[in-house]
Amino acid sequence: MEKGGKRPSNGQKQPSYIADHRQRLRSRFMQGGAAAMPDYEMLELVLFRAIPRRDVKPLARALLDRFGDFNRVITAPSTRLREVKGVGEAVIVELKIVEAAAQRLARAKVLRKHAISNWDALVDYCHTTMAHLETEQFRVLYLDRKNILIADDEQAKGTVDHVPVYPREVAKRALELNASALILVHNHPSGDPSPSRADIDMTKQVAIACDALGLSLYDHLIIGKSSELSFRSEGFI
């Protein structure tokens, strides 16, 4: 770790041009916030801690060239990050800390909150946790009788275009939580949130299981790269 922003912990002096560049970026970030900085500079700020003595701009550029944008870099699987020259465990740890922090902040805005009146924050949370995944993930959001979000369960992970879902397990978990309603959520790694026939059939099966137990299936959200589809809004529920 750097000392005073200019000297690594091993006592080796950091080149002045690197120290000056880092200080300028940090000052600009503190004065103008993230909105004033392009993705590669935000990545540099994250990489500073992992790589204290080297210019990290080339690595930031390489990561963006590989994955596309800041969000896709921090959410990329560790195995794919390691494929980029210059990425070691220290870099991966820093990126994953940022990812975990973003997800935890987004989750705090929706858990124990009214899901329906807080819908935009709920959708934002789903995008934060799922939009950039490279395989399908299926989650269930459980609501109490006042529509307060009481649990967010990851039910299953799948492949790039399929995830196994077991309606009985979804309903069983709802009973364990004493939930009254639920919202299904899964992502489409292709980026297109349009439902497949399998998505529609699965939703119907979950709805039948819920009806049998007096539960309400409020919605099913499919999360794409930059947009989402609501089964309720589209008339599928």
C-alpha atoms as a PDB file:
ATOM      1  CA  MET A   1       0.000   0.000   0.000  1.00  0.00           C
ATOM      2  CA  GLU A   2       1.179   3.530  -0.713  1.00  0.00           C
ATOM      3  CA  LYS A   3       2.240   5.887   2.044  1.00  0.00           C
ATOM      4  CA  GLY A   4       1.131   9.463   1.628  1.00  0.00           C
ATOM      5  CA  GLY A   5       0.113   8.589  -1.912  1.00  0.00           C
ATOM      6  CA  LYS A   6       3.756   8.579  -3.068  1.00  0.00           C
ATOM      7  CA  ARG A   7       5.714   5.787  -1.436  1.00  0.00           C
ATOM      8  CA  PRO A   8       4.984   2.018  -1.391  1.00  0.00           C
ATOM      9  CA  SER A   9       5.188   0.122   1.870  1.00  0.00           C
ATOM     10  CA  ASN A  10       8.537  -1.418   0.891  1.00  0.00           C
ATOM     11  CA  GLY A  11      10.159   2.021   0.907  1.00  0.00           C
ATOM     12  CA  GLN A  12      10.853   2.104  -2.850  1.00  0.00           C
ATOM     13  CA  LYS A  13      10.117   5.583  -4.150  1.00  0.00           C
ATOM     14  CA  GLN A  14       7.306   5.839  -6.626  1.00  0.00           C
ATOM     15  CA  PRO A  15       8.140   7.658  -9.895  1.00  0.00           C
ATOM     16  CA  SER A  16       7.003  11.267  -9.510  1.00  0.00           C
ATOM     17  CA  TYR A  17       4.955  11.316 -12.721  1.00  0.00           C
ATOM     18  CA  ILE A  18       2.887   8.381 -11.445  1.00  0.00           C
ATOM     19  CA  ALA A  19       2.417   9.920  -8.003  1.00  0.00           C
ATOM     20  CA  ASP A  20       1.410  13.269  -9.532  1.00  0.00           C
ATOM     21  CA  HIS A  21      -1.029  11.626 -11.959  1.00  0.00           C
ATOM     22  CA  ARG A  22      -2.623   9.641  -9.170  1.00  0.00           C
ATOM     23  CA  GLN A  23      -2.983  12.692  -6.968  1.00  0.00           C
ATOM     24  CA  ARG A  24      -4.615  14.643  -9.809  1.00  0.00           C
ATOM     25  CA  LEU A  25      -7.116  11.845 -10.462  1.00  0.00           C
ATOM     26  CA  ARG A  26      -7.952  11.498  -6.781  1.00  0.00           C
ATOM     27  CA  SER A  27      -8.445  15.250  -6.404  1.00  0.00           C
ATOM     28  CA  ARG A  28     -10.666  15.406  -9.481  1.00  0.00           C
ATOM     29  CA  PHE A  29     -12.722  12.508  -8.184  1.00  0.00           C
ATOM     30  CA  MET A  30     -13.195  14.107  -4.773  1.00  0.00           C
ATOM     31  CA  GLN A  31     -14.136  17.454  -6.307  1.00  0.00           C
ATOM     32  CA  GLY A  32     -16.365  16.338  -9.169  1.00  0.00           C
ATOM     33  CA  GLY A  33     -17.361  12.780  -8.304  1.00  0.00           C
ATOM     34  CA  ALA A  34     -17.610   9.790 -10.616  1.00  0.00           C
ATOM     35  CA  ALA A  35     -19.799  11.639 -13.132  1.00  0.00           C
ATOM     36  CA  ALA A  36     -16.809  13.785 -14.090  1.00  0.00           C
ATOM     37  CA  MET A  37     -14.620  10.809 -14.912  1.00  0.00           C
ATOM     38  CA  PRO A  38     -14.599   8.407 -17.887  1.00  0.00           C
ATOM     39  CA  ASP A  39     -14.609   4.666 -17.260  1.00  0.00           C
ATOM     40  CA  TYR A  40     -10.853   4.204 -17.732  1.00  0.00           C
ATOM     41  CA  GLU A  41     -10.084   6.781 -15.041  1.00  0.00           C
ATOM     42  CA  MET A  42     -12.527   5.187 -12.615  1.00  0.00           C
ATOM     43  CA  LEU A  43     -10.764   1.889 -13.255  1.00  0.00           C
ATOM     44  CA  GLU A  44      -7.401   3.518 -12.636  1.00  0.00           C
ATOM     45  CA  LEU A  45      -8.612   4.675  -9.222  1.00  0.00           C
ATOM     46  CA  VAL A  46      -9.576   1.107  -8.356  1.00  0.00           C
ATOM     47  CA  LEU A  47      -6.293  -0.295  -9.681  1.00  0.00           C
ATOM     48  CA  PHE A  48      -4.109   2.148  -7.731  1.00  0.00           C
ATOM     49  CA  ARG A  49      -4.427   0.088  -4.550  1.00  0.00           C
ATOM     50  CA  ALA A  50      -3.592  -3.190  -6.274  1.00  0.00           C
ATOM     51  CA  ILE A  51      -0.625  -1.869  -8.284  1.00  0.00           C
ATOM     52  CA  PRO A  52       1.169   0.826  -6.258  1.00  0.00           C
ATOM     53  CA  ARG A  53       4.304   1.440  -8.351  1.00  0.00           C
ATOM     54  CA  ARG A  54       3.270   1.120 -11.985  1.00  0.00           C
ATOM     55  CA  ASP A  55       1.273   3.172 -14.467  1.00  0.00           C
ATOM     56  CA  VAL A  56      -2.115   1.428 -14.518  1.00  0.00           C
ATOM     57  CA  LYS A  57      -3.648   3.309 -17.449  1.00  0.00           C
ATOM     58  CA  PRO A  58      -2.597   0.660 -20.037  1.00  0.00           C
ATOM     59  CA  LEU A  59      -4.180  -2.073 -17.900  1.00  0.00           C
ATOM     60  CA  ALA A  60      -7.363  -0.044 -17.441  1.00  0.00           C
ATOM     61  CA  ARG A  61      -7.567   0.390 -21.221  1.00  0.00           C
ATOM     62  CA  ALA A  62      -6.900  -3.309 -21.813  1.00  0.00           C
ATOM     63  CA  LEU A  63      -9.678  -4.314 -19.410  1.00  0.00           C
ATOM     64  CA  LEU A  64     -12.142  -1.966 -21.093  1.00  0.00           C
ATOM     65  CA  ASP A  65     -11.119  -3.232 -24.536  1.00  0.00           C
ATOM     66  CA  ARG A  66     -11.803  -6.793 -23.382  1.00  0.00           C
ATOM     67  CA  PHE A  67     -15.053  -6.290 -21.453  1.00  0.00           C
ATOM     68  CA  GLY A  68     -16.604  -3.094 -22.783  1.00  0.00           C
ATOM     69  CA  ASP A  69     -17.310  -0.814 -19.831  1.00  0.00           C
ATOM     70  CA  PHE A  70     -16.633  -0.287 -16.121  1.00  0.00           C
ATOM     71  CA  ASN A  71     -19.578  -2.397 -14.958  1.00  0.00           C
ATOM     72  CA  ARG A  72     -18.636  -5.341 -17.130  1.00  0.00           C
ATOM     73  CA  VAL A  73     -15.039  -5.182 -15.907  1.00  0.00           C
ATOM     74  CA  ILE A  74     -15.886  -5.339 -12.208  1.00  0.00           C
ATOM     75  CA  THR A  75     -18.508  -8.050 -12.733  1.00  0.00           C
ATOM     76  CA  ALA A  76     -16.413 -10.208 -15.083  1.00  0.00           C
ATOM     77  CA  PRO A  77     -15.640 -13.719 -13.793  1.00  0.00           C
ATOM     78  CA  SER A  78     -12.228 -14.090 -12.167  1.00  0.00           C
ATOM     79  CA  THR A  79     -11.231 -16.718 -14.711  1.00  0.00           C
ATOM     80  CA  ARG A  80     -11.776 -14.265 -17.579  1.00  0.00           C
ATOM     81  CA  LEU A  81     -10.081 -11.402 -15.768  1.00  0.00           C
ATOM     82  CA  ARG A  82      -6.953 -13.542 -15.375  1.00  0.00           C
ATOM     83  CA  GLU A  83      -6.764 -13.842 -19.161  1.00  0.00           C
ATOM     84  CA  VAL A  84      -5.846 -10.147 -19.381  1.00  0.00           C
ATOM     85  CA  LYS A  85      -2.087  -9.561 -19.163  1.00  0.00           C
ATOM     86  CA  GLY A  86      -1.192  -7.740 -15.969  1.00  0.00           C
ATOM     87  CA  VAL A  87      -4.166  -8.966 -13.941  1.00  0.00           C
ATOM     88  CA  GLY A  88      -3.172 -10.851 -10.812  1.00  0.00           C
ATOM     89  CA  GLU A  89      -4.924 -11.754  -7.576  1.00  0.00           C
ATOM     90  CA  ALA A  90      -4.498  -8.265  -6.099  1.00  0.00           C
ATOM     91  CA  VAL A  91      -6.315  -6.696  -9.060  1.00  0.00           C
ATOM     92  CA  ILE A  92      -9.103  -9.262  -8.938  1.00  0.00           C
ATOM     93  CA  VAL A  93      -9.608  -8.702  -5.213  1.00  0.00           C
ATOM     94  CA  GLU A  94      -9.951  -4.924  -5.674  1.00  0.00           C
ATOM     95  CA  LEU A  95     -12.414  -5.322  -8.543  1.00  0.00           C
ATOM     96  CA  LYS A  96     -14.510  -7.827  -6.606  1.00  0.00           C
ATOM     97  CA  ILE A  97     -14.576  -5.554  -3.535  1.00  0.00           C
ATOM     98  CA  VAL A  98     -16.070  -2.809  -5.714  1.00  0.00           C
ATOM     99  CA  GLU A  99     -18.594  -5.251  -7.174  1.00  0.00           C
ATOM    100  CA  ALA A 100     -19.638  -6.512  -3.738  1.00  0.00           C
ATOM    101  CA  ALA A 101     -19.954  -2.965  -2.399  1.00  0.00           C
ATOM    102  CA  ALA A 102     -22.163  -1.913  -5.309  1.00  0.00           C
ATOM    103  CA  GLN A 103     -24.437  -4.913  -4.820  1.00  0.00           C
ATOM    104  CA  ARG A 104     -24.656  -4.415  -1.072  1.00  0.00           C
ATOM    105  CA  LEU A 105     -25.559  -0.741  -1.449  1.00  0.00           C
ATOM    106  CA  ALA A 106     -28.228  -1.532  -4.041  1.00  0.00           C
ATOM    107  CA  ARG A 107     -29.632  -4.345  -1.879  1.00  0.00           C
ATOM    108  CA  ALA A 108     -29.868  -2.077   1.163  1.00  0.00           C
ATOM    109  CA  LYS A 109     -32.177   0.207  -0.809  1.00  0.00           C
ATOM    110  CA  VAL A 110     -34.751  -2.527  -1.367  1.00  0.00           C
ATOM    111  CA  LEU A 111     -34.561  -5.095   1.441  1.00  0.00           C
ATOM    112  CA  ARG A 112     -37.193  -4.502   4.137  1.00  0.00           C
ATOM    113  CA  LYS A 113     -38.733  -1.812   1.915  1.00  0.00           C
ATOM    114  CA  HIS A 114     -42.117  -1.715   0.177  1.00  0.00           C
ATOM    115  CA  ALA A 115     -41.408  -3.439  -3.121  1.00  0.00           C
ATOM    116  CA  ILE A 116     -44.176  -1.949  -5.239  1.00  0.00           C
ATOM    117  CA  SER A 117     -43.794   1.710  -4.256  1.00  0.00           C
ATOM    118  CA  ASN A 118     -40.010   1.254  -4.449  1.00  0.00           C
ATOM    119  CA  TRP A 119     -40.155  -0.414  -7.861  1.00  0.00           C
ATOM    120  CA  ASP A 120     -37.467   1.634  -9.632  1.00  0.00           C
ATOM    121  CA  ALA A 121     -34.928   0.878  -6.887  1.00  0.00           C
ATOM    122  CA  LEU A 122     -35.895  -2.795  -7.068  1.00  0.00           C
ATOM    123  CA  VAL A 123     -35.280  -2.895 -10.812  1.00  0.00           C
ATOM    124  CA  ASP A 124     -31.978  -1.047 -10.352  1.00  0.00           C
ATOM    125  CA  TYR A 125     -30.914  -3.649  -7.801  1.00  0.00           C
ATOM    126  CA  CYS A 126     -31.735  -6.466 -10.206  1.00  0.00           C
ATOM    127  CA  HIS A 127     -29.671  -4.801 -12.932  1.00  0.00           C
ATOM    128  CA  THR A 128     -26.750  -4.245 -10.557  1.00  0.00           C
ATOM    129  CA  THR A 129     -26.641  -7.884  -9.500  1.00  0.00           C
ATOM    130  CA  MET A 130     -27.581  -9.643 -12.732  1.00  0.00           C
ATOM    131  CA  ALA A 131     -27.327  -7.573 -15.915  1.00  0.00           C
ATOM    132  CA  HIS A 132     -23.666  -8.321 -16.593  1.00  0.00           C
ATOM    133  CA  LEU A 133     -23.609 -12.017 -15.699  1.00  0.00           C
ATOM    134  CA  GLU A 134     -22.422 -14.317 -18.475  1.00  0.00           C
ATOM    135  CA  THR A 135     -24.697 -17.194 -17.472  1.00  0.00           C
ATOM    136  CA  GLU A 136     -28.346 -17.230 -16.455  1.00  0.00           C
ATOM    137  CA  GLN A 137     -29.238 -16.779 -12.810  1.00  0.00           C
ATOM    138  CA  PHE A 138     -32.671 -17.221 -11.271  1.00  0.00           C
ATOM    139  CA  ARG A 139     -33.678 -15.276  -8.158  1.00  0.00           C
ATOM    140  CA  VAL A 140     -36.885 -15.036  -6.180  1.00  0.00           C
ATOM    141  CA  LEU A 141     -37.890 -11.956  -4.212  1.00  0.00           C
ATOM    142  CA  TYR A 142     -40.313 -12.816  -1.411  1.00  0.00           C
ATOM    143  CA  LEU A 143     -42.832 -10.282  -0.087  1.00  0.00           C
ATOM    144  CA  ASP A 144     -44.947 -10.286   3.064  1.00  0.00           C
ATOM    145  CA  ARG A 145     -48.633  -9.392   3.151  1.00  0.00           C
ATOM    146  CA  LYS A 146     -47.734  -5.685   3.174  1.00  0.00           C
ATOM    147  CA  ASN A 147     -45.542  -6.130   0.072  1.00  0.00           C
ATOM    148  CA  ILE A 148     -42.366  -5.599   2.085  1.00  0.00           C
ATOM    149  CA  LEU A 149     -39.380  -7.412   0.576  1.00  0.00           C
ATOM    150  CA  ILE A 150     -38.385  -9.943   3.234  1.00  0.00           C
ATOM    151  CA  ALA A 151     -35.950 -12.152   1.308  1.00  0.00           C
ATOM    152  CA  ASP A 152     -33.919 -12.260  -1.881  1.00  0.00           C
ATOM    153  CA  ASP A 153     -32.940 -15.833  -2.731  1.00  0.00           C
ATOM    154  CA  GLU A 154     -30.689 -17.026  -5.504  1.00  0.00           C
ATOM    155  CA  GLN A 155     -32.461 -20.214  -6.516  1.00  0.00           C
ATOM    156  CA  ALA A 156     -30.264 -21.482  -9.319  1.00  0.00           C
ATOM    157  CA  LYS A 157     -27.520 -20.813 -11.851  1.00  0.00           C
ATOM    158  CA  GLY A 158     -27.464 -22.171 -15.346  1.00  0.00           C
ATOM    159  CA  THR A 159     -25.810 -21.872 -18.721  1.00  0.00           C
ATOM    160  CA  VAL A 160     -25.710 -18.997 -21.183  1.00  0.00           C
ATOM    161  CA  ASP A 161     -29.312 -19.645 -22.231  1.00  0.00           C
ATOM    162  CA  HIS A 162     -30.938 -21.880 -19.615  1.00  0.00           C
ATOM    163  CA  VAL A 163     -31.391 -22.116 -15.889  1.00  0.00           C
ATOM    164  CA  PRO A 164     -33.256 -24.928 -14.105  1.00  0.00           C
ATOM    165  CA  VAL A 165     -36.250 -23.796 -12.035  1.00  0.00           C
ATOM    166  CA  TYR A 166     -38.281 -25.960  -9.670  1.00  0.00           C
ATOM    167  CA  PRO A 167     -41.703 -24.436  -8.918  1.00  0.00           C
ATOM    168  CA  ARG A 168     -42.255 -26.639  -5.868  1.00  0.00           C
ATOM    169  CA  GLU A 169     -39.003 -25.427  -4.289  1.00  0.00           C
ATOM    170  CA  VAL A 170     -39.984 -21.816  -4.939  1.00  0.00           C
ATOM    171  CA  ALA A 171     -43.376 -22.336  -3.289  1.00  0.00           C
ATOM    172  CA  LYS A 172     -41.869 -24.330  -0.411  1.00  0.00           C
ATOM    173  CA  ARG A 173     -39.435 -21.510   0.367  1.00  0.00           C
ATOM    174  CA  ALA A 174     -42.303 -19.011   0.344  1.00  0.00           C
ATOM    175  CA  LEU A 175     -44.079 -21.046   3.009  1.00  0.00           C
ATOM    176  CA  GLU A 176     -40.908 -21.247   5.111  1.00  0.00           C
ATOM    177  CA  LEU A 177     -40.650 -17.447   5.027  1.00  0.00           C
ATOM    178  CA  ASN A 178     -44.362 -16.952   5.626  1.00  0.00           C
ATOM    179  CA  ALA A 179     -44.406 -14.897   2.413  1.00  0.00           C
ATOM    180  CA  SER A 180     -47.617 -13.807   0.728  1.00  0.00           C
ATOM    181  CA  ALA A 181     -46.275 -12.900  -2.710  1.00  0.00           C
ATOM    182  CA  LEU A 182     -43.190 -13.294  -4.822  1.00  0.00           C
ATOM    183  CA  ILE A 183     -41.396 -11.813  -7.793  1.00  0.00           C
ATOM    184  CA  LEU A 184     -39.361 -13.996 -10.132  1.00  0.00           C
ATOM    185  CA  VAL A 185     -36.210 -12.523 -11.655  1.00  0.00           C
ATOM    186  CA  HIS A 186     -33.737 -13.924 -14.106  1.00  0.00           C
ATOM    187  CA  ASN A 187     -31.251 -12.505 -16.591  1.00  0.00           C
ATOM    188  CA  HIS A 188     -30.624 -13.054 -20.275  1.00  0.00           C
ATOM    189  CA  PRO A 189     -26.850 -12.947 -20.944  1.00  0.00           C
ATOM    190  CA  SER A 190     -27.605 -12.282 -24.618  1.00  0.00           C
ATOM    191  CA  GLY A 191     -28.805  -8.845 -23.546  1.00  0.00           C
ATOM    192  CA  ASP A 192     -32.281  -9.250 -25.052  1.00  0.00           C
ATOM    193  CA  PRO A 193     -34.940  -9.486 -22.309  1.00  0.00           C
ATOM    194  CA  SER A 194     -37.603 -10.940 -24.598  1.00  0.00           C
ATOM    195  CA  PRO A 195     -39.122 -14.063 -22.991  1.00  0.00           C
ATOM    196  CA  SER A 196     -38.636 -17.476 -24.521  1.00  0.00           C
ATOM    197  CA  ARG A 197     -41.372 -20.087 -24.659  1.00  0.00           C
ATOM    198  CA  ALA A 198     -39.578 -21.881 -21.811  1.00  0.00           C
ATOM    199  CA  ASP A 199     -39.679 -18.662 -19.740  1.00  0.00           C
ATOM    200  CA  ILE A 200     -43.420 -18.319 -20.284  1.00  0.00           C
ATOM    201  CA  ASP A 201     -44.128 -21.986 -19.513  1.00  0.00           C
ATOM    202  CA  MET A 202     -42.016 -21.906 -16.365  1.00  0.00           C
ATOM    203  CA  THR A 203     -43.805 -18.790 -15.136  1.00  0.00           C
ATOM    204  CA  LYS A 204     -47.166 -20.498 -15.619  1.00  0.00           C
ATOM    205  CA  GLN A 205     -45.966 -23.513 -13.633  1.00  0.00           C
ATOM    206  CA  VAL A 206     -44.815 -21.319 -10.753  1.00  0.00           C
ATOM    207  CA  ALA A 207     -48.119 -19.420 -10.856  1.00  0.00           C
ATOM    208  CA  ILE A 208     -50.049 -22.706 -10.575  1.00  0.00           C
ATOM    209  CA  ALA A 209     -47.924 -23.811  -7.632  1.00  0.00           C
ATOM    210  CA  CYS A 210     -48.478 -20.435  -5.949  1.00  0.00           C
ATOM    211  CA  ASP A 211     -52.243 -20.518  -6.533  1.00  0.00           C
ATOM    212  CA  ALA A 212     -52.471 -23.928  -4.907  1.00  0.00           C
ATOM    213  CA  LEU A 213     -50.920 -22.494  -1.744  1.00  0.00           C
ATOM    214  CA  GLY A 214     -52.698 -19.161  -1.696  1.00  0.00           C
ATOM    215  CA  LEU A 215     -49.614 -17.236  -2.791  1.00  0.00           C
ATOM    216  CA  SER A 216     -49.530 -14.405  -5.305  1.00  0.00           C
ATOM    217  CA  LEU A 217     -47.057 -14.263  -8.174  1.00  0.00           C
ATOM    218  CA  TYR A 218     -46.723 -10.506  -8.574  1.00  0.00           C
ATOM    219  CA  ASP A 219     -44.323 -10.394 -11.512  1.00  0.00           C
ATOM    220  CA  HIS A 220     -41.509 -12.022 -13.423  1.00  0.00           C
ATOM    221  CA  LEU A 221     -38.686  -9.719 -14.501  1.00  0.00           C
ATOM    222  CA  ILE A 222     -36.218 -10.612 -17.222  1.00  0.00           C
ATOM    223  CA  ILE A 223     -33.068  -8.520 -16.959  1.00  0.00           C
ATOM    224  CA  GLY A 224     -31.185  -7.657 -20.147  1.00  0.00           C
ATOM    225  CA  LYS A 225     -27.988  -5.669 -20.569  1.00  0.00           C
ATOM    226  CA  SER A 226     -29.641  -2.249 -20.515  1.00  0.00           C
ATOM    227  CA  SER A 227     -33.366  -2.919 -20.192  1.00  0.00           C
ATOM    228  CA  GLU A 228     -35.803  -5.287 -18.557  1.00  0.00           C
ATOM    229  CA  LEU A 229     -39.127  -6.928 -19.354  1.00  0.00           C
ATOM    230  CA  SER A 230     -42.004  -7.231 -16.895  1.00  0.00           C
ATOM    231  CA  PHE A 231     -44.403 -10.130 -17.421  1.00  0.00           C
ATOM    232  CA  ARG A 232     -47.119  -8.141 -15.671  1.00  0.00           C
ATOM    233  CA  SER A 233     -46.626  -5.079 -17.873  1.00  0.00           C
ATOM    234  CA  GLU A 234     -46.580  -7.243 -20.999  1.00  0.00           C
ATOM    235  CA  GLY A 235     -49.763  -9.081 -20.032  1.00  0.00           C
ATOM    236  CA  PHE A 236     -48.206 -12.513 -19.411  1.00  0.00           C
ATOM    237  CA  ILE A 237     -49.420 -12.458 -15.785  1.00  0.00           C
END
